[in-house]
Amino acid sequence: MKKISCGQYQANRFKFPISKEDAEEYKLYIEHAGNCKTCVDWDIAQKIIERGANPNDFCCLIMGEKVTFSCDQHPDPWDCVDYTLVRTEKGNYGIPIRDGGSSYIRISFCPWCGTNLKKVKPIKVLNKKK
């Protein structure tokens, strides 16, 4: 069975979505991503960079991915269910409560890597609270 390398995966990341004619090639990329933590981490880091942030400013890549998320349809995190985590202007991290207001459950530790968020260096607020 044919496989692709990390170099091929990373070089062609921006090629997709692809046409039906390339379906077999697409399957190879999906399979590679499902089996290669290095490329998954690289891909998440690229998303963070595309969103105007530095992946190294976060305790882990998943935290960076969630905090830098923005929605074209819902600029306010409290209006969009796809926002799973916010960083407030006061520097707090929290899980938005969907009750029509701007409440959130403050968290002190990263849900993905366990880092104490009080010890994380301050960063620019990328998804703002109302």
C-alpha atoms as a PDB file:
ATOM      1  CA  MET A   1       0.000   0.000   0.000  1.00  0.00           C
ATOM      2  CA  LYS A   2       1.258   3.443  -0.919  1.00  0.00           C
ATOM      3  CA  LYS A   3       2.123   5.900   1.863  1.00  0.00           C
ATOM      4  CA  ILE A   4       3.176   9.509   2.045  1.00  0.00           C
ATOM      5  CA  SER A   5       5.939  11.087   4.102  1.00  0.00           C
ATOM      6  CA  CYS A   6       5.688  13.931   6.594  1.00  0.00           C
ATOM      7  CA  GLY A   7       7.383  16.171   4.037  1.00  0.00           C
ATOM      8  CA  GLN A   8       4.765  15.334   1.414  1.00  0.00           C
ATOM      9  CA  TYR A   9       1.944  15.883   3.897  1.00  0.00           C
ATOM     10  CA  GLN A  10       3.255  19.279   4.972  1.00  0.00           C
ATOM     11  CA  ALA A  11       4.109  20.418   1.442  1.00  0.00           C
ATOM     12  CA  ASN A  12       0.594  19.681   0.195  1.00  0.00           C
ATOM     13  CA  ARG A  13      -1.465  20.859   3.178  1.00  0.00           C
ATOM     14  CA  PHE A  14      -2.818  23.857   1.277  1.00  0.00           C
ATOM     15  CA  LYS A  15      -3.712  21.798  -1.778  1.00  0.00           C
ATOM     16  CA  PHE A  16      -6.938  20.507  -0.229  1.00  0.00           C
ATOM     17  CA  PRO A  17      -9.922  20.423  -0.679  1.00  0.00           C
ATOM     18  CA  ILE A  18      -9.363  18.389  -3.790  1.00  0.00           C
ATOM     19  CA  SER A  19     -11.406  17.124  -6.692  1.00  0.00           C
ATOM     20  CA  LYS A  20     -12.982  13.668  -6.894  1.00  0.00           C
ATOM     21  CA  GLU A  21     -10.185  12.625  -9.228  1.00  0.00           C
ATOM     22  CA  ASP A  22      -7.745  12.989  -6.330  1.00  0.00           C
ATOM     23  CA  ALA A  23      -9.815  10.972  -3.858  1.00  0.00           C
ATOM     24  CA  GLU A  24      -7.189   8.224  -3.478  1.00  0.00           C
ATOM     25  CA  GLU A  25      -4.459  10.771  -2.793  1.00  0.00           C
ATOM     26  CA  TYR A  26      -6.727  12.473  -0.244  1.00  0.00           C
ATOM     27  CA  LYS A  27      -7.234   9.147   1.556  1.00  0.00           C
ATOM     28  CA  LEU A  28      -3.456   8.801   1.858  1.00  0.00           C
ATOM     29  CA  TYR A  29      -3.225  12.230   3.490  1.00  0.00           C
ATOM     30  CA  ILE A  30      -6.064  11.494   5.895  1.00  0.00           C
ATOM     31  CA  GLU A  31      -4.499   8.165   6.830  1.00  0.00           C
ATOM     32  CA  HIS A  32      -1.125   9.829   7.400  1.00  0.00           C
ATOM     33  CA  ALA A  33      -2.683  12.520   9.599  1.00  0.00           C
ATOM     34  CA  GLY A  34      -4.464   9.857  11.618  1.00  0.00           C
ATOM     35  CA  ASN A  35      -1.225   8.020  12.304  1.00  0.00           C
ATOM     36  CA  CYS A  36       1.358  10.805  12.641  1.00  0.00           C
ATOM     37  CA  LYS A  37       1.350  12.943  15.793  1.00  0.00           C
ATOM     38  CA  THR A  38       4.166  15.062  14.354  1.00  0.00           C
ATOM     39  CA  CYS A  39       2.047  16.132  11.375  1.00  0.00           C
ATOM     40  CA  VAL A  40      -1.083  16.653  13.468  1.00  0.00           C
ATOM     41  CA  ASP A  41       0.887  18.924  15.811  1.00  0.00           C
ATOM     42  CA  TRP A  42       2.426  20.708  12.815  1.00  0.00           C
ATOM     43  CA  ASP A  43      -1.042  21.216  11.319  1.00  0.00           C
ATOM     44  CA  ILE A  44      -2.430  22.691  14.550  1.00  0.00           C
ATOM     45  CA  ALA A  45       0.610  24.986  14.826  1.00  0.00           C
ATOM     46  CA  GLN A  46      -0.044  26.197  11.263  1.00  0.00           C
ATOM     47  CA  LYS A  47      -3.651  27.059  12.178  1.00  0.00           C
ATOM     48  CA  ILE A  48      -2.460  29.066  15.184  1.00  0.00           C
ATOM     49  CA  ILE A  49       0.060  30.938  13.017  1.00  0.00           C
ATOM     50  CA  GLU A  50      -2.608  31.627  10.370  1.00  0.00           C
ATOM     51  CA  ARG A  51      -4.751  33.150  13.120  1.00  0.00           C
ATOM     52  CA  GLY A  52      -1.998  35.625  13.985  1.00  0.00           C
ATOM     53  CA  ALA A  53      -0.554  33.980  17.079  1.00  0.00           C
ATOM     54  CA  ASN A  54       2.611  32.139  18.041  1.00  0.00           C
ATOM     55  CA  PRO A  55       2.117  28.468  18.993  1.00  0.00           C
ATOM     56  CA  ASN A  56       4.880  28.831  21.600  1.00  0.00           C
ATOM     57  CA  ASP A  57       2.785  31.373  23.518  1.00  0.00           C
ATOM     58  CA  PHE A  58       0.467  28.630  24.747  1.00  0.00           C
ATOM     59  CA  CYS A  59       0.928  25.836  27.243  1.00  0.00           C
ATOM     60  CA  CYS A  60       0.007  23.307  24.538  1.00  0.00           C
ATOM     61  CA  LEU A  61      -1.099  23.300  20.927  1.00  0.00           C
ATOM     62  CA  ILE A  62      -4.692  22.334  21.697  1.00  0.00           C
ATOM     63  CA  MET A  63      -5.022  25.290  24.079  1.00  0.00           C
ATOM     64  CA  GLY A  64      -3.596  27.540  21.358  1.00  0.00           C
ATOM     65  CA  GLU A  65      -6.012  26.139  18.801  1.00  0.00           C
ATOM     66  CA  LYS A  66      -9.023  26.710  21.061  1.00  0.00           C
ATOM     67  CA  VAL A  67      -8.028  30.177  22.290  1.00  0.00           C
ATOM     68  CA  THR A  68      -7.257  31.475  18.794  1.00  0.00           C
ATOM     69  CA  PHE A  69     -10.438  30.089  17.236  1.00  0.00           C
ATOM     70  CA  SER A  70     -12.716  32.654  15.628  1.00  0.00           C
ATOM     71  CA  CYS A  71     -16.000  32.265  13.792  1.00  0.00           C
ATOM     72  CA  ASP A  72     -16.915  34.253  10.687  1.00  0.00           C
ATOM     73  CA  GLN A  73     -20.615  34.013  11.521  1.00  0.00           C
ATOM     74  CA  HIS A  74     -20.362  34.765  15.244  1.00  0.00           C
ATOM     75  CA  PRO A  75     -17.634  37.229  16.220  1.00  0.00           C
ATOM     76  CA  ASP A  76     -18.773  37.108  19.856  1.00  0.00           C
ATOM     77  CA  PRO A  77     -17.728  33.832  21.530  1.00  0.00           C
ATOM     78  CA  TRP A  78     -20.937  33.780  23.559  1.00  0.00           C
ATOM     79  CA  ASP A  79     -23.035  33.655  20.398  1.00  0.00           C
ATOM     80  CA  CYS A  80     -21.263  30.635  18.880  1.00  0.00           C
ATOM     81  CA  VAL A  81     -21.354  27.076  20.185  1.00  0.00           C
ATOM     82  CA  ASP A  82     -18.076  26.316  18.391  1.00  0.00           C
ATOM     83  CA  TYR A  83     -16.121  28.394  20.921  1.00  0.00           C
ATOM     84  CA  THR A  84     -15.115  25.911  23.582  1.00  0.00           C
ATOM     85  CA  LEU A  85     -12.718  28.144  25.483  1.00  0.00           C
ATOM     86  CA  VAL A  86     -12.158  31.874  25.846  1.00  0.00           C
ATOM     87  CA  ARG A  87      -9.528  34.142  27.308  1.00  0.00           C
ATOM     88  CA  THR A  88     -11.052  37.246  28.835  1.00  0.00           C
ATOM     89  CA  GLU A  89      -9.617  40.740  28.862  1.00  0.00           C
ATOM     90  CA  LYS A  90      -8.716  40.192  32.526  1.00  0.00           C
ATOM     91  CA  GLY A  91      -6.532  37.264  31.458  1.00  0.00           C
ATOM     92  CA  ASN A  92      -8.805  34.528  32.759  1.00  0.00           C
ATOM     93  CA  TYR A  93      -9.466  31.359  30.808  1.00  0.00           C
ATOM     94  CA  GLY A  94     -12.960  29.972  30.841  1.00  0.00           C
ATOM     95  CA  ILE A  95     -15.624  27.820  29.285  1.00  0.00           C
ATOM     96  CA  PRO A  96     -18.477  30.000  27.991  1.00  0.00           C
ATOM     97  CA  ILE A  97     -21.928  29.376  29.473  1.00  0.00           C
ATOM     98  CA  ARG A  98     -24.636  29.506  26.817  1.00  0.00           C
ATOM     99  CA  ASP A  99     -27.330  31.299  28.811  1.00  0.00           C
ATOM    100  CA  GLY A 100     -27.702  34.428  26.692  1.00  0.00           C
ATOM    101  CA  GLY A 101     -25.211  36.417  28.762  1.00  0.00           C
ATOM    102  CA  SER A 102     -21.450  36.549  29.030  1.00  0.00           C
ATOM    103  CA  SER A 103     -20.942  34.138  31.921  1.00  0.00           C
ATOM    104  CA  TYR A 104     -18.192  31.570  31.876  1.00  0.00           C
ATOM    105  CA  ILE A 105     -16.768  28.873  34.092  1.00  0.00           C
ATOM    106  CA  ARG A 106     -13.285  29.995  35.026  1.00  0.00           C
ATOM    107  CA  ILE A 107     -10.623  27.325  34.734  1.00  0.00           C
ATOM    108  CA  SER A 108      -7.245  27.352  36.441  1.00  0.00           C
ATOM    109  CA  PHE A 109      -5.635  24.424  34.625  1.00  0.00           C
ATOM    110  CA  CYS A 110      -5.420  23.549  30.954  1.00  0.00           C
ATOM    111  CA  PRO A 111      -7.984  20.833  30.179  1.00  0.00           C
ATOM    112  CA  TRP A 112      -5.563  19.179  27.714  1.00  0.00           C
ATOM    113  CA  CYS A 113      -2.110  19.295  29.321  1.00  0.00           C
ATOM    114  CA  GLY A 114      -2.837  20.185  32.943  1.00  0.00           C
ATOM    115  CA  THR A 115      -0.652  23.314  33.052  1.00  0.00           C
ATOM    116  CA  ASN A 116      -1.482  25.795  35.812  1.00  0.00           C
ATOM    117  CA  LEU A 117      -2.863  28.696  33.780  1.00  0.00           C
ATOM    118  CA  LYS A 118      -1.973  31.231  36.468  1.00  0.00           C
ATOM    119  CA  LYS A 119       1.683  30.574  35.652  1.00  0.00           C
ATOM    120  CA  VAL A 120       1.270  30.998  31.880  1.00  0.00           C
ATOM    121  CA  LYS A 121       2.676  34.230  30.456  1.00  0.00           C
ATOM    122  CA  PRO A 122       0.029  36.782  29.426  1.00  0.00           C
ATOM    123  CA  ILE A 123      -0.908  36.913  25.751  1.00  0.00           C
ATOM    124  CA  LYS A 124      -2.973  39.215  23.597  1.00  0.00           C
ATOM    125  CA  VAL A 125      -6.681  38.445  23.956  1.00  0.00           C
ATOM    126  CA  LEU A 126      -7.702  36.884  20.642  1.00  0.00           C
ATOM    127  CA  ASN A 127     -11.326  35.961  21.274  1.00  0.00           C
ATOM    128  CA  LYS A 128     -12.860  38.734  23.306  1.00  0.00           C
ATOM    129  CA  LYS A 129     -15.571  38.647  25.910  1.00  0.00           C
ATOM    130  CA  LYS A 130     -18.580  40.953  25.502  1.00  0.00           C
END
